[in-house]
Amino acid sequence: MSIGEAENYRYYWKSAWNANKPVWLDAENPNWAGNFKVKYWNTEWQNIIYGNDNSYLKKILNSGFDGAYLDIIDAFEYYEN
């Protein structure tokens, strides 16, 4: 489960984001088409990832998994100056 990038092929992606990005959605990763950096500290993004019944984590757990691998945990490096 990527926590540092949004992926345009996941269930949560809204096609409207292609033209009108949310404030937390940032540049596309040049090495991975369809993956976009996110401002992971933003509450809207966090609500997509965890903490409610429609979250990515909840869907993983409801599928029978007892945990999840957190990917792109080094996303902070993109925002370091």
Protein backbone atom coordinates (compact mmCIF):
# COMPACT_ATOMS: atom_id res chain seq x y z
CA MET A 1 0.00 0.00 0.00
CA SER A 2 1.66 3.18 -1.16
CA ILE A 3 1.37 5.93 1.41
CA GLY A 4 3.65 8.42 -0.36
CA GLU A 5 2.14 8.28 -3.84
CA ALA A 6 -1.35 8.11 -5.28
CA GLU A 7 -1.79 5.64 -8.12
CA ASN A 8 -4.22 6.41 -10.92
CA TYR A 9 -5.14 2.74 -11.31
CA ARG A 10 -6.44 2.30 -7.74
CA TYR A 11 -10.12 2.24 -6.74
CA TYR A 12 -9.88 5.62 -5.01
CA TRP A 13 -8.66 7.55 -8.06
CA LYS A 14 -11.18 10.03 -9.42
CA SER A 15 -10.95 10.87 -13.12
CA ALA A 16 -11.62 14.55 -12.30
CA TRP A 17 -8.17 14.64 -10.67
CA ASN A 18 -6.60 14.42 -14.13
CA ALA A 19 -7.75 17.97 -14.89
CA ASN A 20 -8.32 19.41 -11.40
CA LYS A 21 -5.87 17.99 -8.88
CA PRO A 22 -6.68 18.04 -5.16
CA VAL A 23 -4.34 20.26 -3.12
CA TRP A 24 -2.53 17.19 -1.75
CA LEU A 25 -1.78 15.64 -5.18
CA ASP A 26 1.62 16.58 -6.55
CA ALA A 27 3.85 15.77 -9.54
CA GLU A 28 3.84 12.48 -11.39
CA ASN A 29 6.76 10.21 -10.59
CA PRO A 30 8.89 10.25 -13.77
CA ASN A 31 9.99 6.68 -13.09
CA TRP A 32 6.50 5.24 -12.55
CA ALA A 33 3.78 6.40 -14.92
CA GLY A 34 0.45 6.90 -13.17
CA ASN A 35 2.03 7.39 -9.73
CA PHE A 36 1.83 10.85 -8.20
CA LYS A 37 3.61 12.27 -5.18
CA VAL A 38 1.25 13.22 -2.37
CA LYS A 39 1.40 15.64 0.50
CA TYR A 40 0.99 12.73 2.90
CA TRP A 41 0.36 15.01 5.88
CA ASN A 42 -2.92 16.21 4.32
CA THR A 43 -6.03 14.90 6.06
CA GLU A 44 -7.86 14.24 2.78
CA TRP A 45 -5.09 11.90 1.64
CA GLN A 46 -4.90 10.25 5.04
CA ASN A 47 -8.65 9.56 4.91
CA ILE A 48 -8.14 7.70 1.64
CA ILE A 49 -5.39 5.56 3.17
CA TYR A 50 -6.75 4.72 6.65
CA GLY A 51 -9.23 5.42 9.39
CA ASN A 52 -12.61 4.68 7.82
CA ASP A 53 -14.59 1.88 6.22
CA ASN A 54 -13.81 3.01 2.67
CA SER A 55 -10.07 3.41 3.27
CA TYR A 56 -7.42 1.52 1.37
CA LEU A 57 -6.21 -0.19 4.55
CA LYS A 58 -9.73 -1.28 5.52
CA LYS A 59 -10.24 -2.83 2.07
CA ILE A 60 -6.97 -4.75 2.46
CA LEU A 61 -7.95 -6.04 5.90
CA ASN A 62 -11.46 -6.92 4.71
CA SER A 63 -9.85 -9.05 1.99
CA GLY A 64 -8.46 -11.33 4.68
CA PHE A 65 -4.96 -9.96 5.10
CA ASP A 66 -3.78 -9.31 8.65
CA GLY A 67 -1.46 -6.49 7.71
CA ALA A 68 -0.09 -4.40 4.87
CA TYR A 69 3.32 -3.46 3.50
CA LEU A 70 3.72 0.32 3.52
CA ASP A 71 5.41 1.50 0.34
CA ILE A 72 7.00 4.86 -0.45
CA ILE A 73 7.63 5.60 3.22
CA ASP A 74 10.62 7.65 2.10
CA ALA A 75 8.32 10.19 0.43
CA PHE A 76 9.57 12.87 2.81
CA GLU A 77 12.79 12.98 0.78
CA TYR A 78 10.87 14.54 -2.13
CA TYR A 79 9.83 17.45 0.08
CA GLU A 80 13.18 18.03 1.80
CA ASN A 81 15.04 21.17 0.80
